[in-house]
Amino acid sequence: MSTFFSGEEIIEMAVKTEETGYAFYQMALENASTDELKNLFDYLAKEELKHKETYSGLKDAIGETVQGVPVDWDELDSYIKAMTDSSFFLGGDKNINMAAKASDDKEAVDFAMKFEKDTLLFFYQLAELVKSVNKPIIEKIIQEEKLHITKLAKMKATL
């Protein structure tokens, strides 16, 4: 049976990922050793909060979804658990611990890039599970998250 998320469910998941990202970047900021990296992690933490607000605001813009496709919640729960079974994703404490355990700035950036890539993978997978009317919402989220990876990659090149 196919499983579809509503736009509102997608937004709720996006908000949760931003909350997790914020916690990660706050810890990474505390442990960064250079001003340049502290500035980047501070910027990314603020971006996570900004994205959270943006995604929350999208709830009002979501139109009615197509009716008539029942959701198998057991299947959905299993699928989401499998997709998010990562030490970097939707486990705020795990993410904070990864940021705290980074042995140096390069490793902290590597952890941040891994987190962002996992986030992107999650949303690419969700794009396959949403009704076509909600695909633009996912595409907006993906574009926003790609910006984080770009900034981290630039920083990594300087380390």
C-alpha atoms as a PDB file:
ATOM      1  CA  MET A   1       0.000   0.000   0.000  1.00  0.00           C
ATOM      2  CA  SER A   2       1.289   3.449  -0.848  1.00  0.00           C
ATOM      3  CA  THR A   3       1.845   5.885   1.960  1.00  0.00           C
ATOM      4  CA  PHE A   4       1.423   9.612   1.486  1.00  0.00           C
ATOM      5  CA  PHE A   5       2.177  12.448   3.860  1.00  0.00           C
ATOM      6  CA  SER A   6       0.103  15.554   3.976  1.00  0.00           C
ATOM      7  CA  GLY A   7       1.798  18.878   3.530  1.00  0.00           C
ATOM      8  CA  GLU A   8       1.244  19.608   7.218  1.00  0.00           C
ATOM      9  CA  GLU A   9       3.024  16.390   8.233  1.00  0.00           C
ATOM     10  CA  ILE A  10       5.951  17.316   5.990  1.00  0.00           C
ATOM     11  CA  ILE A  11       6.138  20.731   7.614  1.00  0.00           C
ATOM     12  CA  GLU A  12       6.120  19.183  11.090  1.00  0.00           C
ATOM     13  CA  MET A  13       9.005  16.894  10.131  1.00  0.00           C
ATOM     14  CA  ALA A  14      10.911  19.815   8.637  1.00  0.00           C
ATOM     15  CA  VAL A  15      10.438  21.829  11.831  1.00  0.00           C
ATOM     16  CA  LYS A  16      11.763  18.927  13.913  1.00  0.00           C
ATOM     17  CA  THR A  17      14.856  18.606  11.728  1.00  0.00           C
ATOM     18  CA  GLU A  18      15.535  22.320  12.141  1.00  0.00           C
ATOM     19  CA  GLU A  19      15.221  22.035  15.927  1.00  0.00           C
ATOM     20  CA  THR A  20      17.702  19.158  15.880  1.00  0.00           C
ATOM     21  CA  GLY A  21      20.045  21.093  13.615  1.00  0.00           C
ATOM     22  CA  TYR A  22      19.885  24.100  15.914  1.00  0.00           C
ATOM     23  CA  ALA A  23      20.894  21.973  18.915  1.00  0.00           C
ATOM     24  CA  PHE A  24      23.766  20.476  16.914  1.00  0.00           C
ATOM     25  CA  TYR A  25      25.091  23.840  15.747  1.00  0.00           C
ATOM     26  CA  GLN A  26      24.821  25.370  19.211  1.00  0.00           C
ATOM     27  CA  MET A  27      27.057  22.630  20.623  1.00  0.00           C
ATOM     28  CA  ALA A  28      29.413  22.847  17.645  1.00  0.00           C
ATOM     29  CA  LEU A  29      29.629  26.610  18.185  1.00  0.00           C
ATOM     30  CA  GLU A  30      30.629  26.124  21.810  1.00  0.00           C
ATOM     31  CA  ASN A  31      33.425  23.753  20.791  1.00  0.00           C
ATOM     32  CA  ALA A  32      34.753  25.547  17.696  1.00  0.00           C
ATOM     33  CA  SER A  33      38.298  26.844  18.082  1.00  0.00           C
ATOM     34  CA  THR A  34      38.459  29.595  15.459  1.00  0.00           C
ATOM     35  CA  ASP A  35      36.410  32.731  15.099  1.00  0.00           C
ATOM     36  CA  GLU A  36      35.715  31.892  11.473  1.00  0.00           C
ATOM     37  CA  LEU A  37      34.209  28.518  12.379  1.00  0.00           C
ATOM     38  CA  LYS A  38      32.332  29.979  15.331  1.00  0.00           C
ATOM     39  CA  ASN A  39      30.825  32.541  12.964  1.00  0.00           C
ATOM     40  CA  LEU A  40      29.801  29.784  10.533  1.00  0.00           C
ATOM     41  CA  PHE A  41      28.205  27.612  13.226  1.00  0.00           C
ATOM     42  CA  ASP A  42      26.467  30.664  14.699  1.00  0.00           C
ATOM     43  CA  TYR A  43      25.168  31.560  11.238  1.00  0.00           C
ATOM     44  CA  LEU A  44      23.963  27.980  10.626  1.00  0.00           C
ATOM     45  CA  ALA A  45      22.268  27.818  14.035  1.00  0.00           C
ATOM     46  CA  LYS A  46      20.433  31.056  13.235  1.00  0.00           C
ATOM     47  CA  GLU A  47      19.548  29.674   9.801  1.00  0.00           C
ATOM     48  CA  GLU A  48      18.035  26.594  11.458  1.00  0.00           C
ATOM     49  CA  LEU A  49      15.805  28.872  13.532  1.00  0.00           C
ATOM     50  CA  LYS A  50      14.944  30.953  10.471  1.00  0.00           C
ATOM     51  CA  HIS A  51      14.097  27.797   8.505  1.00  0.00           C
ATOM     52  CA  LYS A  52      11.962  26.558  11.393  1.00  0.00           C
ATOM     53  CA  GLU A  53       9.968  29.804  11.246  1.00  0.00           C
ATOM     54  CA  THR A  54       9.778  29.613   7.449  1.00  0.00           C
ATOM     55  CA  TYR A  55       8.523  26.038   7.511  1.00  0.00           C
ATOM     56  CA  SER A  56       6.038  26.806  10.270  1.00  0.00           C
ATOM     57  CA  GLY A  57       4.720  29.659   8.132  1.00  0.00           C
ATOM     58  CA  LEU A  58       4.200  27.291   5.211  1.00  0.00           C
ATOM     59  CA  LYS A  59       1.416  25.546   7.125  1.00  0.00           C
ATOM     60  CA  ASP A  60      -0.880  28.417   6.215  1.00  0.00           C
ATOM     61  CA  ALA A  61       0.022  28.073   2.540  1.00  0.00           C
ATOM     62  CA  ILE A  62      -0.781  24.385   2.271  1.00  0.00           C
ATOM     63  CA  GLY A  63      -3.834  23.688   0.161  1.00  0.00           C
ATOM     64  CA  GLU A  64      -6.193  20.814   0.594  1.00  0.00           C
ATOM     65  CA  THR A  65      -4.640  17.475  -0.254  1.00  0.00           C
ATOM     66  CA  VAL A  66      -6.231  14.928  -2.513  1.00  0.00           C
ATOM     67  CA  GLN A  67      -8.656  12.803  -0.503  1.00  0.00           C
ATOM     68  CA  GLY A  68      -9.157   9.069  -0.614  1.00  0.00           C
ATOM     69  CA  VAL A  69      -5.711   7.553  -0.047  1.00  0.00           C
ATOM     70  CA  PRO A  70      -5.704   5.797   3.318  1.00  0.00           C
ATOM     71  CA  VAL A  71      -2.506   5.822   5.340  1.00  0.00           C
ATOM     72  CA  ASP A  72      -1.217   2.620   6.904  1.00  0.00           C
ATOM     73  CA  TRP A  73       0.264   4.160  10.054  1.00  0.00           C
ATOM     74  CA  ASP A  74       2.140   0.988  11.065  1.00  0.00           C
ATOM     75  CA  GLU A  75       3.852   0.964   7.673  1.00  0.00           C
ATOM     76  CA  LEU A  76       4.486   4.681   7.907  1.00  0.00           C
ATOM     77  CA  ASP A  77       6.019   4.461  11.384  1.00  0.00           C
ATOM     78  CA  SER A  78       8.303   1.612  10.309  1.00  0.00           C
ATOM     79  CA  TYR A  79       9.407   3.472   7.207  1.00  0.00           C
ATOM     80  CA  ILE A  80      10.128   6.708   9.048  1.00  0.00           C
ATOM     81  CA  LYS A  81      12.056   4.856  11.743  1.00  0.00           C
ATOM     82  CA  ALA A  82      14.189   3.126   9.107  1.00  0.00           C
ATOM     83  CA  MET A  83      14.833   6.403   7.277  1.00  0.00           C
ATOM     84  CA  THR A  84      15.810   8.246  10.424  1.00  0.00           C
ATOM     85  CA  ASP A  85      17.866   5.478  12.019  1.00  0.00           C
ATOM     86  CA  SER A  86      21.039   7.526  11.940  1.00  0.00           C
ATOM     87  CA  SER A  87      23.195   8.926  14.696  1.00  0.00           C
ATOM     88  CA  PHE A  88      22.939  12.290  12.955  1.00  0.00           C
ATOM     89  CA  PHE A  89      19.227  12.557  12.383  1.00  0.00           C
ATOM     90  CA  LEU A  90      16.188  13.354  14.525  1.00  0.00           C
ATOM     91  CA  GLY A  91      18.001  12.326  17.682  1.00  0.00           C
ATOM     92  CA  GLY A  92      18.794  15.677  19.225  1.00  0.00           C
ATOM     93  CA  ASP A  93      20.927  14.248  22.012  1.00  0.00           C
ATOM     94  CA  LYS A  94      22.855  12.099  19.566  1.00  0.00           C
ATOM     95  CA  ASN A  95      23.534  15.116  17.397  1.00  0.00           C
ATOM     96  CA  ILE A  96      24.630  17.202  20.336  1.00  0.00           C
ATOM     97  CA  ASN A  97      26.954  14.406  21.448  1.00  0.00           C
ATOM     98  CA  MET A  98      28.459  14.171  17.952  1.00  0.00           C
ATOM     99  CA  ALA A  99      29.181  17.895  17.983  1.00  0.00           C
ATOM    100  CA  ALA A 100      30.700  17.628  21.460  1.00  0.00           C
ATOM    101  CA  LYS A 101      32.871  14.634  20.520  1.00  0.00           C
ATOM    102  CA  ALA A 102      34.468  16.256  17.478  1.00  0.00           C
ATOM    103  CA  SER A 103      38.227  16.060  17.993  1.00  0.00           C
ATOM    104  CA  ASP A 104      38.895  19.185  15.924  1.00  0.00           C
ATOM    105  CA  ASP A 105      37.246  21.754  13.690  1.00  0.00           C
ATOM    106  CA  LYS A 106      37.539  19.615  10.582  1.00  0.00           C
ATOM    107  CA  GLU A 107      35.734  16.736  12.259  1.00  0.00           C
ATOM    108  CA  ALA A 108      33.013  19.110  13.487  1.00  0.00           C
ATOM    109  CA  VAL A 109      32.482  20.333   9.912  1.00  0.00           C
ATOM    110  CA  ASP A 110      32.452  16.719   8.695  1.00  0.00           C
ATOM    111  CA  PHE A 111      29.763  15.861  11.266  1.00  0.00           C
ATOM    112  CA  ALA A 112      27.757  18.925  10.224  1.00  0.00           C
ATOM    113  CA  MET A 113      28.006  17.956   6.554  1.00  0.00           C
ATOM    114  CA  LYS A 114      26.903  14.411   7.383  1.00  0.00           C
ATOM    115  CA  PHE A 115      23.924  15.762   9.289  1.00  0.00           C
ATOM    116  CA  GLU A 116      22.959  18.056   6.417  1.00  0.00           C
ATOM    117  CA  LYS A 117      23.349  15.263   3.860  1.00  0.00           C
ATOM    118  CA  ASP A 118      21.177  12.948   5.948  1.00  0.00           C
ATOM    119  CA  THR A 119      18.598  15.716   6.168  1.00  0.00           C
ATOM    120  CA  LEU A 120      18.632  16.122   2.398  1.00  0.00           C
ATOM    121  CA  LEU A 121      18.324  12.370   1.866  1.00  0.00           C
ATOM    122  CA  PHE A 122      15.348  12.337   4.201  1.00  0.00           C
ATOM    123  CA  PHE A 123      13.590  15.070   2.249  1.00  0.00           C
ATOM    124  CA  TYR A 124      14.437  13.506  -1.115  1.00  0.00           C
ATOM    125  CA  GLN A 125      12.815  10.305   0.152  1.00  0.00           C
ATOM    126  CA  LEU A 126       9.800  12.218   1.432  1.00  0.00           C
ATOM    127  CA  ALA A 127       9.426  13.821  -1.995  1.00  0.00           C
ATOM    128  CA  GLU A 128       8.542  10.354  -3.256  1.00  0.00           C
ATOM    129  CA  LEU A 129       5.860   9.971  -0.598  1.00  0.00           C
ATOM    130  CA  VAL A 130       3.924  13.179  -0.979  1.00  0.00           C
ATOM    131  CA  LYS A 131       1.041  13.924  -3.240  1.00  0.00           C
ATOM    132  CA  SER A 132       1.911  16.075  -6.226  1.00  0.00           C
ATOM    133  CA  VAL A 133       0.086  19.086  -4.785  1.00  0.00           C
ATOM    134  CA  ASN A 134       2.632  19.117  -1.907  1.00  0.00           C
ATOM    135  CA  LYS A 135       5.812  18.547  -3.940  1.00  0.00           C
ATOM    136  CA  PRO A 136       6.631  22.290  -4.144  1.00  0.00           C
ATOM    137  CA  ILE A 137       6.821  22.368  -0.344  1.00  0.00           C
ATOM    138  CA  ILE A 138       9.455  19.614  -0.342  1.00  0.00           C
ATOM    139  CA  GLU A 139      11.363  21.285  -3.166  1.00  0.00           C
ATOM    140  CA  LYS A 140      11.542  24.525  -1.163  1.00  0.00           C
ATOM    141  CA  ILE A 141      12.846  22.658   1.874  1.00  0.00           C
ATOM    142  CA  ILE A 142      15.483  20.853  -0.210  1.00  0.00           C
ATOM    143  CA  GLN A 143      16.727  24.124  -1.728  1.00  0.00           C
ATOM    144  CA  GLU A 144      17.019  25.714   1.705  1.00  0.00           C
ATOM    145  CA  GLU A 145      18.993  22.767   3.081  1.00  0.00           C
ATOM    146  CA  LYS A 146      21.389  22.657   0.128  1.00  0.00           C
ATOM    147  CA  LEU A 147      22.613  26.101   1.113  1.00  0.00           C
ATOM    148  CA  HIS A 148      23.917  24.704   4.406  1.00  0.00           C
ATOM    149  CA  ILE A 149      26.020  22.090   2.640  1.00  0.00           C
ATOM    150  CA  THR A 150      27.479  24.710   0.311  1.00  0.00           C
ATOM    151  CA  LYS A 151      28.624  26.878   3.212  1.00  0.00           C
ATOM    152  CA  LEU A 152      30.064  23.911   5.088  1.00  0.00           C
ATOM    153  CA  ALA A 153      31.933  22.703   2.005  1.00  0.00           C
ATOM    154  CA  LYS A 154      33.502  26.141   1.581  1.00  0.00           C
ATOM    155  CA  MET A 155      34.598  26.107   5.217  1.00  0.00           C
ATOM    156  CA  LYS A 156      35.989  22.589   4.953  1.00  0.00           C
ATOM    157  CA  ALA A 157      38.142  23.669   2.005  1.00  0.00           C
ATOM    158  CA  THR A 158      39.814  26.271   4.243  1.00  0.00           C
ATOM    159  CA  LEU A 159      40.627  23.900   7.114  1.00  0.00           C
END
